[in-house]
Amino acid sequence: MTVTRVHTFPHTEPDPHHPYTSGAWRPVFDEFDADGLEVIGEIPRDIDGIYVRNSENPAFGSIGLYHPFAGDGMIHTMTFRDGKAR
């Protein structure tokens, strides 16, 4: 597997004590590409497309109270082609 950092986004450090900006919910500010992912089993060659998921990812502090549905976000993608995932 090859992982390449594509970009680091401008940001302010999140509040380390807030439950939605720490631990598993800590924001991610780096964008990566990953090639040669290990597949257990087989990805059908007929699958040719993209899986897209969005989630919260606050890059800057909130104005007032923070809520995960208000503010910055991140889009995660995985593409499938020729029996491979990227």
PDB file of N, CA and C in Angstrom:
ATOM      1  N   MET A   1       0.845  -1.169   0.000  1.00  0.00           N
ATOM      2  CA  MET A   1       0.000   0.000   0.000  1.00  0.00           C
ATOM      3  C   MET A   1       0.893   1.236   0.000  1.00  0.00           C
ATOM      4  N   THR A   2       0.524   2.205  -0.812  1.00  0.00           N
ATOM      5  CA  THR A   2       1.240   3.472  -0.879  1.00  0.00           C
ATOM      6  C   THR A   2       0.309   4.584  -0.428  1.00  0.00           C
ATOM      7  N   VAL A   3       0.736   5.353   0.558  1.00  0.00           N
ATOM      8  CA  VAL A   3      -0.056   6.477   1.060  1.00  0.00           C
ATOM      9  C   VAL A   3       0.721   7.761   0.810  1.00  0.00           C
ATOM     10  N   THR A   4       0.052   8.728   0.196  1.00  0.00           N
ATOM     11  CA  THR A   4       0.681  10.000  -0.132  1.00  0.00           C
ATOM     12  C   THR A   4      -0.135  11.143   0.452  1.00  0.00           C
ATOM     13  N   ARG A   5       0.522  12.038   1.180  1.00  0.00           N
ATOM     14  CA  ARG A   5      -0.170  13.234   1.671  1.00  0.00           C
ATOM     15  C   ARG A   5      -0.316  14.185   0.493  1.00  0.00           C
ATOM     16  N   VAL A   6      -1.552  14.588   0.219  1.00  0.00           N
ATOM     17  CA  VAL A   6      -1.852  15.445  -0.915  1.00  0.00           C
ATOM     18  C   VAL A   6      -1.867  16.912  -0.503  1.00  0.00           C
ATOM     19  N   HIS A   7      -2.429  17.188   0.669  1.00  0.00           N
ATOM     20  CA  HIS A   7      -2.631  18.581   1.068  1.00  0.00           C
ATOM     21  C   HIS A   7      -2.854  18.652   2.577  1.00  0.00           C
ATOM     22  N   THR A   8      -2.401  19.730   3.191  1.00  0.00           N
ATOM     23  CA  THR A   8      -2.730  20.035   4.585  1.00  0.00           C
ATOM     24  C   THR A   8      -3.546  21.319   4.576  1.00  0.00           C
ATOM     25  N   PHE A   9      -4.730  21.276   5.181  1.00  0.00           N
ATOM     26  CA  PHE A   9      -5.653  22.404   5.164  1.00  0.00           C
ATOM     27  C   PHE A   9      -5.374  23.374   6.299  1.00  0.00           C
ATOM     28  N   PRO A  10      -5.592  24.682   6.060  1.00  0.00           N
ATOM     29  CA  PRO A  10      -5.447  25.654   7.141  1.00  0.00           C
ATOM     30  C   PRO A  10      -6.477  25.353   8.230  1.00  0.00           C
ATOM     31  N   HIS A  11      -6.089  25.575   9.472  1.00  0.00           N
ATOM     32  CA  HIS A  11      -6.996  25.249  10.578  1.00  0.00           C
ATOM     33  C   HIS A  11      -6.522  25.918  11.861  1.00  0.00           C
ATOM     34  N   THR A  12      -7.382  25.863  12.866  1.00  0.00           N
ATOM     35  CA  THR A  12      -6.998  26.202  14.235  1.00  0.00           C
ATOM     36  C   THR A  12      -7.113  24.916  15.036  1.00  0.00           C
ATOM     37  N   GLU A  13      -6.307  24.769  16.056  1.00  0.00           N
ATOM     38  CA  GLU A  13      -6.343  23.540  16.853  1.00  0.00           C
ATOM     39  C   GLU A  13      -7.679  23.447  17.589  1.00  0.00           C
ATOM     40  N   PRO A  14      -8.308  22.261  17.569  1.00  0.00           N
ATOM     41  CA  PRO A  14      -9.602  22.094  18.229  1.00  0.00           C
ATOM     42  C   PRO A  14      -9.472  22.065  19.747  1.00  0.00           C
ATOM     43  N   ASP A  15     -10.599  22.300  20.404  1.00  0.00           N
ATOM     44  CA  ASP A  15     -10.665  22.233  21.864  1.00  0.00           C
ATOM     45  C   ASP A  15     -10.447  20.779  22.285  1.00  0.00           C
ATOM     46  N   PRO A  16      -9.351  20.455  22.984  1.00  0.00           N
ATOM     47  CA  PRO A  16      -9.072  19.060  23.341  1.00  0.00           C
ATOM     48  C   PRO A  16     -10.011  18.500  24.410  1.00  0.00           C
ATOM     49  N   HIS A  17     -10.836  19.348  25.014  1.00  0.00           N
ATOM     50  CA  HIS A  17     -11.727  18.897  26.084  1.00  0.00           C
ATOM     51  C   HIS A  17     -13.170  18.731  25.613  1.00  0.00           C
ATOM     52  N   HIS A  18     -13.486  19.188  24.410  1.00  0.00           N
ATOM     53  CA  HIS A  18     -14.855  19.075  23.906  1.00  0.00           C
ATOM     54  C   HIS A  18     -15.064  17.667  23.353  1.00  0.00           C
ATOM     55  N   PRO A  19     -16.179  17.008  23.707  1.00  0.00           N
ATOM     56  CA  PRO A  19     -16.374  15.621  23.270  1.00  0.00           C
ATOM     57  C   PRO A  19     -16.478  15.440  21.754  1.00  0.00           C
ATOM     58  N   TYR A  20     -16.882  16.473  21.009  1.00  0.00           N
ATOM     59  CA  TYR A  20     -17.009  16.351  19.555  1.00  0.00           C
ATOM     60  C   TYR A  20     -15.779  16.838  18.796  1.00  0.00           C
ATOM     61  N   THR A  21     -14.731  17.265  19.500  1.00  0.00           N
ATOM     62  CA  THR A  21     -13.502  17.689  18.810  1.00  0.00           C
ATOM     63  C   THR A  21     -12.267  17.032  19.424  1.00  0.00           C
ATOM     64  N   SER A  22     -12.472  15.895  20.086  1.00  0.00           N
ATOM     65  CA  SER A  22     -11.348  15.180  20.693  1.00  0.00           C
ATOM     66  C   SER A  22     -11.563  13.675  20.523  1.00  0.00           C
ATOM     67  N   GLY A  23     -10.543  12.919  20.835  1.00  0.00           N
ATOM     68  CA  GLY A  23     -10.640  11.462  20.740  1.00  0.00           C
ATOM     69  C   GLY A  23     -10.938  11.017  19.314  1.00  0.00           C
ATOM     70  N   ALA A  24     -11.896  10.102  19.167  1.00  0.00           N
ATOM     71  CA  ALA A  24     -12.259   9.584  17.844  1.00  0.00           C
ATOM     72  C   ALA A  24     -12.842  10.659  16.934  1.00  0.00           C
ATOM     73  N   TRP A  25     -13.311  11.759  17.508  1.00  0.00           N
ATOM     74  CA  TRP A  25     -13.923  12.843  16.732  1.00  0.00           C
ATOM     75  C   TRP A  25     -12.960  13.994  16.470  1.00  0.00           C
ATOM     76  N   ARG A  26     -11.698  13.813  16.787  1.00  0.00           N
ATOM     77  CA  ARG A  26     -10.721  14.878  16.541  1.00  0.00           C
ATOM     78  C   ARG A  26     -10.649  15.152  15.037  1.00  0.00           C
ATOM     79  N   PRO A  27     -10.709  16.414  14.633  1.00  0.00           N
ATOM     80  CA  PRO A  27     -10.669  16.740  13.206  1.00  0.00           C
ATOM     81  C   PRO A  27      -9.373  16.287  12.530  1.00  0.00           C
ATOM     82  N   VAL A  28      -9.467  16.048  11.236  1.00  0.00           N
ATOM     83  CA  VAL A  28      -8.330  15.651  10.408  1.00  0.00           C
ATOM     84  C   VAL A  28      -8.054  16.795   9.441  1.00  0.00           C
ATOM     85  N   PHE A  29      -6.806  17.224   9.345  1.00  0.00           N
ATOM     86  CA  PHE A  29      -6.474  18.369   8.506  1.00  0.00           C
ATOM     87  C   PHE A  29      -5.596  18.004   7.316  1.00  0.00           C
ATOM     88  N   ASP A  30      -5.274  16.731   7.161  1.00  0.00           N
ATOM     89  CA  ASP A  30      -4.447  16.279   6.044  1.00  0.00           C
ATOM     90  C   ASP A  30      -5.289  15.445   5.090  1.00  0.00           C
ATOM     91  N   GLU A  31      -5.081  15.648   3.793  1.00  0.00           N
ATOM     92  CA  GLU A  31      -5.737  14.850   2.765  1.00  0.00           C
ATOM     93  C   GLU A  31      -4.715  13.852   2.230  1.00  0.00           C
ATOM     94  N   PHE A  32      -5.127  12.579   2.113  1.00  0.00           N
ATOM     95  CA  PHE A  32      -4.237  11.516   1.657  1.00  0.00           C
ATOM     96  C   PHE A  32      -4.832  10.781   0.464  1.00  0.00           C
ATOM     97  N   ASP A  33      -3.974  10.248  -0.384  1.00  0.00           N
ATOM     98  CA  ASP A  33      -4.342   9.277  -1.413  1.00  0.00           C
ATOM     99  C   ASP A  33      -3.698   7.959  -1.018  1.00  0.00           C
ATOM    100  N   ALA A  34      -4.432   6.861  -1.207  1.00  0.00           N
ATOM    101  CA  ALA A  34      -3.893   5.535  -0.890  1.00  0.00           C
ATOM    102  C   ALA A  34      -4.097   4.624  -2.097  1.00  0.00           C
ATOM    103  N   ASP A  35      -3.032   3.996  -2.549  1.00  0.00           N
ATOM    104  CA  ASP A  35      -3.072   3.059  -3.676  1.00  0.00           C
ATOM    105  C   ASP A  35      -2.571   1.698  -3.210  1.00  0.00           C
ATOM    106  N   GLY A  36      -2.988   0.665  -3.923  1.00  0.00           N
ATOM    107  CA  GLY A  36      -2.528  -0.680  -3.599  1.00  0.00           C
ATOM    108  C   GLY A  36      -3.102  -1.187  -2.287  1.00  0.00           C
ATOM    109  N   LEU A  37      -4.366  -0.828  -1.997  1.00  0.00           N
ATOM    110  CA  LEU A  37      -4.991  -1.261  -0.751  1.00  0.00           C
ATOM    111  C   LEU A  37      -5.178  -2.777  -0.733  1.00  0.00           C
ATOM    112  N   GLU A  38      -4.950  -3.377   0.424  1.00  0.00           N
ATOM    113  CA  GLU A  38      -5.145  -4.819   0.568  1.00  0.00           C
ATOM    114  C   GLU A  38      -6.633  -5.123   0.561  1.00  0.00           C
ATOM    115  N   VAL A  39      -7.023  -6.105  -0.206  1.00  0.00           N
ATOM    116  CA  VAL A  39      -8.415  -6.541  -0.283  1.00  0.00           C
ATOM    117  C   VAL A  39      -8.475  -7.975   0.206  1.00  0.00           C
ATOM    118  N   ILE A  40      -9.337  -8.232   1.171  1.00  0.00           N
ATOM    119  CA  ILE A  40      -9.560  -9.601   1.642  1.00  0.00           C
ATOM    120  C   ILE A  40     -10.738 -10.133   0.839  1.00  0.00           C
ATOM    121  N   GLY A  41     -10.512 -11.155   0.065  1.00  0.00           N
ATOM    122  CA  GLY A  41     -11.537 -11.640  -0.852  1.00  0.00           C
ATOM    123  C   GLY A  41     -11.303 -11.033  -2.222  1.00  0.00           C
ATOM    124  N   GLU A  42     -12.379 -10.589  -2.850  1.00  0.00           N
ATOM    125  CA  GLU A  42     -12.254 -10.053  -4.201  1.00  0.00           C
ATOM    126  C   GLU A  42     -13.301  -8.975  -4.437  1.00  0.00           C
ATOM    127  N   ILE A  43     -12.897  -7.893  -5.068  1.00  0.00           N
ATOM    128  CA  ILE A  43     -13.840  -6.859  -5.491  1.00  0.00           C
ATOM    129  C   ILE A  43     -14.304  -7.248  -6.889  1.00  0.00           C
ATOM    130  N   PRO A  44     -15.613  -7.411  -7.080  1.00  0.00           N
ATOM    131  CA  PRO A  44     -16.093  -7.786  -8.414  1.00  0.00           C
ATOM    132  C   PRO A  44     -15.653  -6.766  -9.470  1.00  0.00           C
ATOM    133  N   ARG A  45     -15.172  -7.252 -10.603  1.00  0.00           N
ATOM    134  CA  ARG A  45     -14.702  -6.360 -11.673  1.00  0.00           C
ATOM    135  C   ARG A  45     -15.847  -5.547 -12.273  1.00  0.00           C
ATOM    136  N   ASP A  46     -17.098  -5.985 -12.048  1.00  0.00           N
ATOM    137  CA  ASP A  46     -18.261  -5.251 -12.567  1.00  0.00           C
ATOM    138  C   ASP A  46     -18.482  -3.935 -11.831  1.00  0.00           C
ATOM    139  N   ILE A  47     -17.961  -3.821 -10.621  1.00  0.00           N
ATOM    140  CA  ILE A  47     -18.152  -2.584  -9.859  1.00  0.00           C
ATOM    141  C   ILE A  47     -17.214  -1.528 -10.417  1.00  0.00           C
ATOM    142  N   ASP A  48     -17.809  -0.470 -10.920  1.00  0.00           N
ATOM    143  CA  ASP A  48     -17.039   0.628 -11.504  1.00  0.00           C
ATOM    144  C   ASP A  48     -17.724   1.909 -11.058  1.00  0.00           C
ATOM    145  N   GLY A  49     -17.197   2.539 -10.029  1.00  0.00           N
ATOM    146  CA  GLY A  49     -17.852   3.733  -9.516  1.00  0.00           C
ATOM    147  C   GLY A  49     -17.138   4.293  -8.313  1.00  0.00           C
ATOM    148  N   ILE A  50     -17.893   5.076  -7.550  1.00  0.00           N
ATOM    149  CA  ILE A  50     -17.314   5.785  -6.412  1.00  0.00           C
ATOM    150  C   ILE A  50     -18.259   5.693  -5.219  1.00  0.00           C
ATOM    151  N   TYR A  51     -17.691   5.500  -4.049  1.00  0.00           N
ATOM    152  CA  TYR A  51     -18.428   5.539  -2.787  1.00  0.00           C
ATOM    153  C   TYR A  51     -18.080   6.875  -2.135  1.00  0.00           C
ATOM    154  N   VAL A  52     -19.100   7.633  -1.740  1.00  0.00           N
ATOM    155  CA  VAL A  52     -18.887   8.950  -1.140  1.00  0.00           C
ATOM    156  C   VAL A  52     -19.598   8.999   0.203  1.00  0.00           C
ATOM    157  N   ARG A  53     -18.915   9.553   1.199  1.00  0.00           N
ATOM    158  CA  ARG A  53     -19.490   9.717   2.536  1.00  0.00           C
ATOM    159  C   ARG A  53     -19.087  11.099   3.036  1.00  0.00           C
ATOM    160  N   ASN A  54     -20.009  11.785   3.687  1.00  0.00           N
ATOM    161  CA  ASN A  54     -19.628  13.069   4.278  1.00  0.00           C
ATOM    162  C   ASN A  54     -19.758  13.006   5.792  1.00  0.00           C
ATOM    163  N   SER A  55     -18.979  13.836   6.469  1.00  0.00           N
ATOM    164  CA  SER A  55     -19.006  13.883   7.930  1.00  0.00           C
ATOM    165  C   SER A  55     -18.528  15.251   8.392  1.00  0.00           C
ATOM    166  N   GLU A  56     -18.734  15.516   9.663  1.00  0.00           N
ATOM    167  CA  GLU A  56     -18.245  16.787  10.215  1.00  0.00           C
ATOM    168  C   GLU A  56     -16.733  16.734  10.355  1.00  0.00           C
ATOM    169  N   ASN A  57     -16.104  17.876  10.249  1.00  0.00           N
ATOM    170  CA  ASN A  57     -14.656  17.971  10.422  1.00  0.00           C
ATOM    171  C   ASN A  57     -14.313  19.441  10.640  1.00  0.00           C
ATOM    172  N   PRO A  58     -14.563  19.942  11.849  1.00  0.00           N
ATOM    173  CA  PRO A  58     -14.379  21.376  12.092  1.00  0.00           C
ATOM    174  C   PRO A  58     -12.923  21.818  11.955  1.00  0.00           C
ATOM    175  N   ALA A  59     -12.690  22.714  11.005  1.00  0.00           N
ATOM    176  CA  ALA A  59     -11.342  23.235  10.786  1.00  0.00           C
ATOM    177  C   ALA A  59     -11.067  24.455  11.651  1.00  0.00           C
ATOM    178  N   PHE A  60     -12.125  25.141  12.050  1.00  0.00           N
ATOM    179  CA  PHE A  60     -11.974  26.365  12.838  1.00  0.00           C
ATOM    180  C   PHE A  60     -12.929  26.319  14.019  1.00  0.00           C
ATOM    181  N   GLY A  61     -12.597  27.035  15.072  1.00  0.00           N
ATOM    182  CA  GLY A  61     -13.436  27.075  16.263  1.00  0.00           C
ATOM    183  C   GLY A  61     -14.828  27.602  15.961  1.00  0.00           C
ATOM    184  N   SER A  62     -15.784  27.218  16.786  1.00  0.00           N
ATOM    185  CA  SER A  62     -17.163  27.644  16.577  1.00  0.00           C
ATOM    186  C   SER A  62     -17.385  29.048  17.131  1.00  0.00           C
ATOM    187  N   ILE A  63     -18.432  29.658  16.655  1.00  0.00           N
ATOM    188  CA  ILE A  63     -18.882  30.937  17.212  1.00  0.00           C
ATOM    189  C   ILE A  63     -20.011  30.565  18.162  1.00  0.00           C
ATOM    190  N   GLY A  64     -19.743  30.554  19.431  1.00  0.00           N
ATOM    191  CA  GLY A  64     -20.736  30.099  20.404  1.00  0.00           C
ATOM    192  C   GLY A  64     -20.600  28.608  20.633  1.00  0.00           C
ATOM    193  N   LEU A  65     -21.732  27.913  20.728  1.00  0.00           N
ATOM    194  CA  LEU A  65     -21.739  26.475  20.983  1.00  0.00           C
ATOM    195  C   LEU A  65     -21.412  25.700  19.712  1.00  0.00           C
ATOM    196  N   TYR A  66     -20.661  24.616  19.883  1.00  0.00           N
ATOM    197  CA  TYR A  66     -20.331  23.760  18.741  1.00  0.00           C
ATOM    198  C   TYR A  66     -21.375  22.659  18.601  1.00  0.00           C
ATOM    199  N   HIS A  67     -21.804  22.402  17.380  1.00  0.00           N
ATOM    200  CA  HIS A  67     -22.671  21.269  17.077  1.00  0.00           C
ATOM    201  C   HIS A  67     -22.103  20.586  15.832  1.00  0.00           C
ATOM    202  N   PRO A  68     -22.042  19.246  15.801  1.00  0.00           N
ATOM    203  CA  PRO A  68     -21.404  18.559  14.680  1.00  0.00           C
ATOM    204  C   PRO A  68     -22.070  18.804  13.329  1.00  0.00           C
ATOM    205  N   PHE A  69     -23.340  19.231  13.304  1.00  0.00           N
ATOM    206  CA  PHE A  69     -24.006  19.469  12.021  1.00  0.00           C
ATOM    207  C   PHE A  69     -23.847  20.900  11.530  1.00  0.00           C
ATOM    208  N   ALA A  70     -23.232  21.756  12.320  1.00  0.00           N
ATOM    209  CA  ALA A  70     -23.062  23.155  11.929  1.00  0.00           C
ATOM    210  C   ALA A  70     -21.575  23.436  11.744  1.00  0.00           C
ATOM    211  N   GLY A  71     -21.170  23.769  10.550  1.00  0.00           N
ATOM    212  CA  GLY A  71     -19.773  24.120  10.348  1.00  0.00           C
ATOM    213  C   GLY A  71     -19.109  23.346   9.234  1.00  0.00           C
ATOM    214  N   ASP A  72     -17.811  23.195   9.367  1.00  0.00           N
ATOM    215  CA  ASP A  72     -16.982  22.587   8.326  1.00  0.00           C
ATOM    216  C   ASP A  72     -17.233  21.084   8.231  1.00  0.00           C
ATOM    217  N   GLY A  73     -16.921  20.520   7.079  1.00  0.00           N
ATOM    218  CA  GLY A  73     -17.115  19.094   6.879  1.00  0.00           C
ATOM    219  C   GLY A  73     -16.007  18.488   6.038  1.00  0.00           C
ATOM    220  N   MET A  74     -16.100  17.177   5.838  1.00  0.00           N
ATOM    221  CA  MET A  74     -15.121  16.447   5.040  1.00  0.00           C
ATOM    222  C   MET A  74     -15.874  15.440   4.177  1.00  0.00           C
ATOM    223  N   ILE A  75     -15.409  15.260   2.959  1.00  0.00           N
ATOM    224  CA  ILE A  75     -15.963  14.235   2.080  1.00  0.00           C
ATOM    225  C   ILE A  75     -14.909  13.148   1.912  1.00  0.00           C
ATOM    226  N   HIS A  76     -15.312  11.913   2.187  1.00  0.00           N
ATOM    227  CA  HIS A  76     -14.441  10.745   2.042  1.00  0.00           C
ATOM    228  C   HIS A  76     -14.866  10.041   0.753  1.00  0.00           C
ATOM    229  N   THR A  77     -13.920   9.591  -0.042  1.00  0.00           N
ATOM    230  CA  THR A  77     -14.274   8.867  -1.267  1.00  0.00           C
ATOM    231  C   THR A  77     -13.413   7.619  -1.431  1.00  0.00           C
ATOM    232  N   MET A  78     -13.996   6.640  -2.081  1.00  0.00           N
ATOM    233  CA  MET A  78     -13.255   5.449  -2.488  1.00  0.00           C
ATOM    234  C   MET A  78     -13.760   5.089  -3.879  1.00  0.00           C
ATOM    235  N   THR A  79     -12.847   4.937  -4.816  1.00  0.00           N
ATOM    236  CA  THR A  79     -13.236   4.586  -6.176  1.00  0.00           C
ATOM    237  C   THR A  79     -12.951   3.111  -6.437  1.00  0.00           C
ATOM    238  N   PHE A  80     -13.788   2.516  -7.266  1.00  0.00           N
ATOM    239  CA  PHE A  80     -13.664   1.110  -7.635  1.00  0.00           C
ATOM    240  C   PHE A  80     -13.560   1.012  -9.148  1.00  0.00           C
ATOM    241  N   ARG A  81     -12.554   0.274  -9.620  1.00  0.00           N
ATOM    242  CA  ARG A  81     -12.387   0.062 -11.064  1.00  0.00           C
ATOM    243  C   ARG A  81     -11.483  -1.147 -11.274  1.00  0.00           C
ATOM    244  N   ASP A  82     -11.877  -1.997 -12.210  1.00  0.00           N
ATOM    245  CA  ASP A  82     -11.067  -3.162 -12.598  1.00  0.00           C
ATOM    246  C   ASP A  82     -10.702  -4.049 -11.409  1.00  0.00           C
ATOM    247  N   GLY A  83     -11.634  -4.222 -10.467  1.00  0.00           N
ATOM    248  CA  GLY A  83     -11.389  -5.087  -9.319  1.00  0.00           C
ATOM    249  C   GLY A  83     -10.468  -4.509  -8.271  1.00  0.00           C
ATOM    250  N   LYS A  84     -10.208  -3.202  -8.348  1.00  0.00           N
ATOM    251  CA  LYS A  84      -9.322  -2.545  -7.384  1.00  0.00           C
ATOM    252  C   LYS A  84     -10.040  -1.384  -6.719  1.00  0.00           C
ATOM    253  N   ALA A  85      -9.589  -1.057  -5.508  1.00  0.00           N
ATOM    254  CA  ALA A  85     -10.129   0.083  -4.762  1.00  0.00           C
ATOM    255  C   ALA A  85      -9.030   1.110  -4.577  1.00  0.00           C
ATOM    256  N   ARG A  86      -9.408   2.363  -4.672  1.00  0.00           N
ATOM    257  CA  ARG A  86      -8.448   3.445  -4.441  1.00  0.00           C
ATOM    258  C   ARG A  86      -9.123   4.521  -3.628  1.00  0.00           C
TER     259      ARG A  86
END
